[in-house]
Amino acid sequence: MADAQKPSVEGDIVVKSKLEELIRTSRGQFYIIDVREPQELASTGMIDSAKSIPLGSIPEALSTEDPAEFERKYGFKKWEKDDLIIFHCRSGGRSDRALQFAKSKGFVNAKNYRGSSLEWFGR
């Protein structure tokens, strides 16, 4: 995908209004990754277009090289190191850990939606 089509966000933190805009306009390729555990998802649901990869699986997901293996394991197209990847969890702590790990692996556009599901779902 050409860089002109990739959305961008300044800084490491994404605010709710920007995430809503990205979802609403669907401009370019970006990923919203929910790092909560599966049992947590059952009680709140997920943000529209989010994908689930629990925090404990993030290191493996970020290190998977083979696109077919990634898609088979996680159920969506493998990201590139310059794609916009927005992590979120319940209240921002685990998503911040996922962000720090992603940055350490060279994912230059990794971000944290710190408001996370508490803010998104109003709980």
C-alpha atoms as a PDB file:
ATOM      1  CA  MET A   1       0.000   0.000   0.000  1.00  0.00           C
ATOM      2  CA  ALA A   2       1.367   3.436  -0.885  1.00  0.00           C
ATOM      3  CA  ASP A   3       2.387   5.615   2.035  1.00  0.00           C
ATOM      4  CA  ALA A   4      -0.045   8.350   0.921  1.00  0.00           C
ATOM      5  CA  GLN A   5      -2.922   6.047   1.845  1.00  0.00           C
ATOM      6  CA  LYS A   6      -1.683   5.269   5.340  1.00  0.00           C
ATOM      7  CA  PRO A   7      -3.336   7.321   8.085  1.00  0.00           C
ATOM      8  CA  SER A   8      -1.127   9.004  10.642  1.00  0.00           C
ATOM      9  CA  VAL A   9      -1.435  10.171  14.232  1.00  0.00           C
ATOM     10  CA  GLU A  10       0.999  12.530  15.973  1.00  0.00           C
ATOM     11  CA  GLY A  11       2.622  11.305  19.201  1.00  0.00           C
ATOM     12  CA  ASP A  12       2.141   7.939  20.883  1.00  0.00           C
ATOM     13  CA  ILE A  13      -1.356   8.532  22.291  1.00  0.00           C
ATOM     14  CA  VAL A  14      -4.604   8.372  20.319  1.00  0.00           C
ATOM     15  CA  VAL A  15      -7.644  10.172  21.755  1.00  0.00           C
ATOM     16  CA  LYS A  16     -11.194   8.882  21.400  1.00  0.00           C
ATOM     17  CA  SER A  17     -12.242  11.505  18.844  1.00  0.00           C
ATOM     18  CA  LYS A  18      -9.317  10.608  16.552  1.00  0.00           C
ATOM     19  CA  LEU A  19     -10.043   6.882  16.850  1.00  0.00           C
ATOM     20  CA  GLU A  20     -13.708   7.540  16.042  1.00  0.00           C
ATOM     21  CA  GLU A  21     -12.645   9.564  13.003  1.00  0.00           C
ATOM     22  CA  LEU A  22     -10.325   6.814  11.768  1.00  0.00           C
ATOM     23  CA  ILE A  23     -13.082   4.211  12.123  1.00  0.00           C
ATOM     24  CA  ARG A  24     -15.716   6.449  10.543  1.00  0.00           C
ATOM     25  CA  THR A  25     -13.651   7.493   7.534  1.00  0.00           C
ATOM     26  CA  SER A  26     -11.683   4.233   7.158  1.00  0.00           C
ATOM     27  CA  ARG A  27      -8.890   6.117   5.419  1.00  0.00           C
ATOM     28  CA  GLY A  28      -6.127   3.680   4.597  1.00  0.00           C
ATOM     29  CA  GLN A  29      -4.833   0.646   6.385  1.00  0.00           C
ATOM     30  CA  PHE A  30      -4.708   0.732  10.166  1.00  0.00           C
ATOM     31  CA  TYR A  31      -5.147  -1.784  12.952  1.00  0.00           C
ATOM     32  CA  ILE A  32      -6.928  -1.509  16.286  1.00  0.00           C
ATOM     33  CA  ILE A  33      -5.595  -4.269  18.533  1.00  0.00           C
ATOM     34  CA  ASP A  34      -7.463  -5.170  21.722  1.00  0.00           C
ATOM     35  CA  VAL A  35      -4.912  -6.722  24.086  1.00  0.00           C
ATOM     36  CA  ARG A  36      -7.444  -7.829  26.727  1.00  0.00           C
ATOM     37  CA  GLU A  37      -8.017 -11.492  27.529  1.00  0.00           C
ATOM     38  CA  PRO A  38     -10.874 -13.299  25.692  1.00  0.00           C
ATOM     39  CA  GLN A  39     -13.034 -13.553  28.829  1.00  0.00           C
ATOM     40  CA  GLU A  40     -12.897  -9.748  29.212  1.00  0.00           C
ATOM     41  CA  LEU A  41     -14.217  -9.256  25.689  1.00  0.00           C
ATOM     42  CA  ALA A  42     -17.375 -11.184  26.505  1.00  0.00           C
ATOM     43  CA  SER A  43     -18.481  -8.631  29.088  1.00  0.00           C
ATOM     44  CA  THR A  44     -17.970  -5.455  27.015  1.00  0.00           C
ATOM     45  CA  GLY A  45     -17.586  -6.437  23.397  1.00  0.00           C
ATOM     46  CA  MET A  46     -14.994  -4.861  21.148  1.00  0.00           C
ATOM     47  CA  ILE A  47     -14.456  -1.530  19.441  1.00  0.00           C
ATOM     48  CA  ASP A  48     -15.659  -1.573  15.825  1.00  0.00           C
ATOM     49  CA  SER A  49     -13.037  -3.057  13.503  1.00  0.00           C
ATOM     50  CA  ALA A  50     -10.740  -4.055  16.392  1.00  0.00           C
ATOM     51  CA  LYS A  51      -8.870  -7.340  16.356  1.00  0.00           C
ATOM     52  CA  SER A  52      -8.082  -9.381  19.464  1.00  0.00           C
ATOM     53  CA  ILE A  53      -4.526 -10.356  20.373  1.00  0.00           C
ATOM     54  CA  PRO A  54      -4.064 -10.785  24.149  1.00  0.00           C
ATOM     55  CA  LEU A  55      -1.042  -8.981  25.598  1.00  0.00           C
ATOM     56  CA  GLY A  56       0.801 -12.255  26.232  1.00  0.00           C
ATOM     57  CA  SER A  57       0.640 -13.037  22.498  1.00  0.00           C
ATOM     58  CA  ILE A  58       1.817  -9.614  21.308  1.00  0.00           C
ATOM     59  CA  PRO A  59       5.563 -10.468  21.249  1.00  0.00           C
ATOM     60  CA  GLU A  60       4.921 -13.496  19.033  1.00  0.00           C
ATOM     61  CA  ALA A  61       2.486 -11.583  16.799  1.00  0.00           C
ATOM     62  CA  LEU A  62       4.939  -8.723  16.301  1.00  0.00           C
ATOM     63  CA  SER A  63       7.744 -11.190  15.534  1.00  0.00           C
ATOM     64  CA  THR A  64       5.848 -13.404  13.066  1.00  0.00           C
ATOM     65  CA  GLU A  65       7.530 -12.988   9.685  1.00  0.00           C
ATOM     66  CA  ASP A  66       5.394 -15.175   7.436  1.00  0.00           C
ATOM     67  CA  PRO A  67       2.202 -13.370   6.275  1.00  0.00           C
ATOM     68  CA  ALA A  68       0.296 -16.635   5.725  1.00  0.00           C
ATOM     69  CA  GLU A  69       1.196 -17.919   9.181  1.00  0.00           C
ATOM     70  CA  PHE A  70       0.192 -14.598  10.742  1.00  0.00           C
ATOM     71  CA  GLU A  71      -3.173 -14.565   8.962  1.00  0.00           C
ATOM     72  CA  ARG A  72      -3.856 -18.196   9.844  1.00  0.00           C
ATOM     73  CA  LYS A  73      -3.079 -17.605  13.516  1.00  0.00           C
ATOM     74  CA  TYR A  74      -4.653 -14.164  14.060  1.00  0.00           C
ATOM     75  CA  GLY A  75      -7.344 -14.044  11.377  1.00  0.00           C
ATOM     76  CA  PHE A  76      -6.330 -10.858   9.557  1.00  0.00           C
ATOM     77  CA  LYS A  77      -3.698  -9.510   7.164  1.00  0.00           C
ATOM     78  CA  LYS A  78      -0.201  -9.117   8.617  1.00  0.00           C
ATOM     79  CA  TRP A  79       0.818  -5.556   9.388  1.00  0.00           C
ATOM     80  CA  GLU A  80       3.913  -3.778   8.125  1.00  0.00           C
ATOM     81  CA  LYS A  81       6.385  -1.995  10.418  1.00  0.00           C
ATOM     82  CA  ASP A  82       5.148   1.397   9.197  1.00  0.00           C
ATOM     83  CA  ASP A  83       1.393   0.661   9.482  1.00  0.00           C
ATOM     84  CA  LEU A  84      -0.651   2.527  12.061  1.00  0.00           C
ATOM     85  CA  ILE A  85      -1.282   0.057  14.900  1.00  0.00           C
ATOM     86  CA  ILE A  86      -3.417   1.280  17.816  1.00  0.00           C
ATOM     87  CA  PHE A  87      -3.370  -0.852  20.950  1.00  0.00           C
ATOM     88  CA  HIS A  88      -6.059  -0.694  23.617  1.00  0.00           C
ATOM     89  CA  CYS A  89      -7.143  -2.645  26.682  1.00  0.00           C
ATOM     90  CA  ARG A  90      -9.411  -1.991  29.663  1.00  0.00           C
ATOM     91  CA  SER A  91      -7.776   1.108  31.124  1.00  0.00           C
ATOM     92  CA  GLY A  92      -4.523   1.757  29.248  1.00  0.00           C
ATOM     93  CA  GLY A  93      -1.837  -0.115  31.177  1.00  0.00           C
ATOM     94  CA  ARG A  94      -1.556  -3.266  29.079  1.00  0.00           C
ATOM     95  CA  SER A  95      -1.914  -1.333  25.848  1.00  0.00           C
ATOM     96  CA  ASP A  96       0.980   0.881  26.948  1.00  0.00           C
ATOM     97  CA  ARG A  97       3.104  -2.249  27.494  1.00  0.00           C
ATOM     98  CA  ALA A  98       2.117  -3.486  24.012  1.00  0.00           C
ATOM     99  CA  LEU A  99       3.052  -0.081  22.586  1.00  0.00           C
ATOM    100  CA  GLN A 100       6.465  -0.109  24.256  1.00  0.00           C
ATOM    101  CA  PHE A 101       7.175  -3.610  22.975  1.00  0.00           C
ATOM    102  CA  ALA A 102       6.069  -2.690  19.445  1.00  0.00           C
ATOM    103  CA  LYS A 103       8.278   0.405  19.457  1.00  0.00           C
ATOM    104  CA  SER A 104      11.245  -1.702  20.628  1.00  0.00           C
ATOM    105  CA  LYS A 105      10.679  -3.973  17.613  1.00  0.00           C
ATOM    106  CA  GLY A 106      10.694  -1.075  15.139  1.00  0.00           C
ATOM    107  CA  PHE A 107       6.967  -0.491  14.668  1.00  0.00           C
ATOM    108  CA  VAL A 108       7.290   3.247  14.122  1.00  0.00           C
ATOM    109  CA  ASN A 109       3.557   4.049  13.971  1.00  0.00           C
ATOM    110  CA  ALA A 110       2.413   2.019  16.968  1.00  0.00           C
ATOM    111  CA  LYS A 111       0.087   4.008  19.265  1.00  0.00           C
ATOM    112  CA  ASN A 112      -1.878   3.607  22.488  1.00  0.00           C
ATOM    113  CA  TYR A 113      -5.559   4.477  22.873  1.00  0.00           C
ATOM    114  CA  ARG A 114      -5.122   5.093  26.586  1.00  0.00           C
ATOM    115  CA  GLY A 115      -8.833   5.767  27.192  1.00  0.00           C
ATOM    116  CA  SER A 116      -9.368   2.157  26.220  1.00  0.00           C
ATOM    117  CA  SER A 117     -12.596   0.235  26.755  1.00  0.00           C
ATOM    118  CA  LEU A 118     -13.550   2.106  29.945  1.00  0.00           C
ATOM    119  CA  GLU A 119     -13.810   5.348  27.995  1.00  0.00           C
ATOM    120  CA  TRP A 120     -15.076   3.825  24.757  1.00  0.00           C
ATOM    121  CA  PHE A 121     -17.959   1.955  26.363  1.00  0.00           C
ATOM    122  CA  GLY A 122     -18.573   4.577  29.049  1.00  0.00           C
ATOM    123  CA  ARG A 123     -17.920   2.312  32.043  1.00  0.00           C
END
